[in-house]
Amino acid sequence: QVQPVESGGGLVQAGGSLRLSCAASGRTFSNYFMAWFRQAPGKEREFVATITMSGSITSYADSVKGRFTISRDNANNTVYLQMNSLKPEDTAVYYCAADRYPGSRYQTSAAYTYWGQGTQVTVSS
């Protein structure tokens, strides 16, 4: 199993950038699909991006496509989310998630077994 721990959140002005990191404990990190979700106040948790075990395939929510980039470093058990051109509507708690095989439900939170505690991202207008 893996235990994700997020870092890198903070306050940024609209148009700015942030890079989130997710360090996952466990010796089998490379056997897990990794994903980022986010949850804004009063809203449901929503899919942001996912990356396959090798990092060769990524997928993004339409709302972040072209602005966010997910990547992973299996040697250091870390997954990243580079966020550029941030907008106030990107304000949320961002969560890192892991699962051995999320399958066709990879855009749903129920498909992931392991979750971090979240990191707050606030974008001011």
Protein backbone atom coordinates (compact mmCIF):
# COMPACT_ATOMS: atom_id res chain seq x y z
CA GLN A 1 0.00 0.00 0.00
CA VAL A 2 0.96 3.67 -0.30
CA GLN A 3 0.27 6.69 1.86
CA PRO A 4 0.16 9.96 -0.09
CA VAL A 5 1.21 13.25 1.53
CA GLU A 6 0.58 16.49 -0.37
CA SER A 7 2.55 19.73 -0.16
CA GLY A 8 3.02 22.93 -2.10
CA GLY A 9 -0.33 24.63 -1.70
CA GLY A 10 -0.67 28.30 -0.89
CA LEU A 11 -2.03 31.68 -1.90
CA VAL A 12 -1.37 32.97 -5.42
CA GLN A 13 -2.75 35.72 -7.61
CA ALA A 14 -4.79 34.95 -10.69
CA GLY A 15 -2.51 34.16 -13.60
CA GLY A 16 0.18 32.80 -11.33
CA SER A 17 1.59 29.30 -10.92
CA LEU A 18 2.01 26.70 -8.22
CA ARG A 19 3.48 23.22 -8.17
CA LEU A 20 1.95 20.63 -5.89
CA SER A 21 3.89 17.59 -4.78
CA CYS A 22 2.64 14.28 -3.45
CA ALA A 23 5.14 12.04 -1.73
CA ALA A 24 3.92 8.49 -1.32
CA SER A 25 5.44 6.07 1.14
CA GLY A 26 5.77 2.40 0.22
CA ARG A 27 8.11 0.40 -1.96
CA THR A 28 5.60 -0.24 -4.75
CA PHE A 29 4.79 3.33 -5.77
CA SER A 30 5.44 2.53 -9.42
CA ASN A 31 2.62 -0.06 -9.33
CA TYR A 32 -0.01 2.59 -8.70
CA PHE A 33 -2.02 4.92 -10.86
CA MET A 34 -1.88 8.37 -9.29
CA ALA A 35 -4.41 11.17 -9.50
CA TRP A 36 -5.24 14.65 -8.29
CA PHE A 37 -8.72 15.67 -7.21
CA ARG A 38 -9.94 18.93 -5.73
CA GLN A 39 -12.83 20.05 -3.58
CA ALA A 40 -14.07 23.61 -3.30
CA PRO A 41 -16.27 24.75 -0.38
CA GLY A 42 -19.82 23.51 -0.78
CA LYS A 43 -18.96 21.42 -3.82
CA GLU A 44 -18.28 17.77 -4.46
CA ARG A 45 -14.78 16.45 -4.92
CA GLU A 46 -13.87 16.57 -8.60
CA PHE A 47 -11.30 14.92 -10.81
CA VAL A 48 -8.35 17.03 -11.96
CA ALA A 49 -5.76 14.72 -13.53
CA THR A 50 -4.41 11.19 -13.52
CA ILE A 51 -1.22 9.46 -14.64
CA THR A 52 -0.46 5.83 -15.37
CA MET A 53 2.13 3.74 -13.54
CA SER A 54 4.94 4.49 -15.98
CA GLY A 55 3.85 8.06 -16.55
CA SER A 56 3.35 7.48 -20.26
CA ILE A 57 -0.35 8.36 -20.29
CA THR A 58 -2.08 11.29 -18.63
CA SER A 59 -5.64 12.53 -18.57
CA TYR A 60 -7.12 15.85 -17.49
CA ALA A 61 -10.43 17.42 -16.66
CA ASP A 62 -11.55 19.82 -19.36
CA SER A 63 -11.44 22.70 -16.89
CA VAL A 64 -7.66 22.37 -16.41
CA LYS A 65 -6.54 21.01 -19.77
CA GLY A 66 -3.74 23.12 -21.22
CA ARG A 67 -3.03 24.80 -17.88
CA PHE A 68 -2.13 21.92 -15.53
CA THR A 69 0.43 19.17 -16.01
CA ILE A 70 0.68 15.97 -14.00
CA SER A 71 3.98 14.10 -13.84
CA ARG A 72 5.68 11.51 -11.65
CA ASP A 73 9.14 10.51 -10.49
CA ASN A 74 9.03 6.83 -9.60
CA ALA A 75 12.60 6.85 -8.33
CA ASN A 76 11.55 9.32 -5.63
CA ASN A 77 7.96 8.10 -5.08
CA THR A 78 6.55 11.50 -5.98
CA VAL A 79 3.82 12.81 -8.25
CA TYR A 80 3.52 16.47 -9.20
CA LEU A 81 0.84 18.84 -10.41
CA GLN A 82 2.18 21.92 -12.17
CA MET A 83 -0.56 24.54 -12.25
CA ASN A 84 -0.20 27.53 -14.55
CA SER A 85 -2.53 30.40 -15.48
CA LEU A 86 -4.42 29.89 -12.25
CA LYS A 87 -7.94 31.25 -11.93
CA PRO A 88 -10.01 32.07 -8.84
CA GLU A 89 -12.22 29.10 -9.66
CA ASP A 90 -9.22 26.81 -9.13
CA THR A 91 -9.44 27.61 -5.41
CA ALA A 92 -9.94 24.33 -3.55
CA VAL A 93 -8.34 21.73 -1.36
CA TYR A 94 -6.28 19.52 -3.64
CA TYR A 95 -6.00 15.81 -2.87
CA CYS A 96 -3.59 13.18 -4.11
CA ALA A 97 -4.99 9.68 -4.65
CA ALA A 98 -3.60 6.27 -5.56
CA ASP A 99 -4.94 2.95 -6.74
CA ARG A 100 -3.57 -0.16 -8.37
CA TYR A 101 -6.23 -0.15 -11.08
CA PRO A 102 -8.92 2.55 -11.13
CA GLY A 103 -10.19 1.26 -14.46
CA SER A 104 -12.80 3.06 -16.48
CA ARG A 105 -13.96 4.94 -13.38
CA TYR A 106 -10.65 6.77 -13.11
CA GLN A 107 -12.38 10.16 -13.03
CA THR A 108 -14.37 9.25 -9.91
CA SER A 109 -13.08 9.46 -6.36
CA ALA A 110 -14.57 6.04 -5.56
CA ALA A 111 -12.03 4.43 -7.90
CA TYR A 112 -9.09 5.32 -5.63
CA THR A 113 -8.21 3.55 -2.41
CA TYR A 114 -5.49 5.71 -0.88
CA TRP A 115 -5.82 9.44 -0.20
CA GLY A 116 -3.74 12.21 1.26
CA GLN A 117 -4.99 14.83 3.69
CA GLY A 118 -5.10 17.60 1.09
CA THR A 119 -3.39 20.92 0.55
CA GLN A 120 -5.17 24.25 0.21
CA VAL A 121 -4.80 26.29 -2.97
CA THR A 122 -6.25 29.78 -2.96
CA VAL A 123 -6.24 31.98 -6.06
CA SER A 124 -7.04 35.64 -5.52
CA SER A 125 -8.56 37.81 -8.22
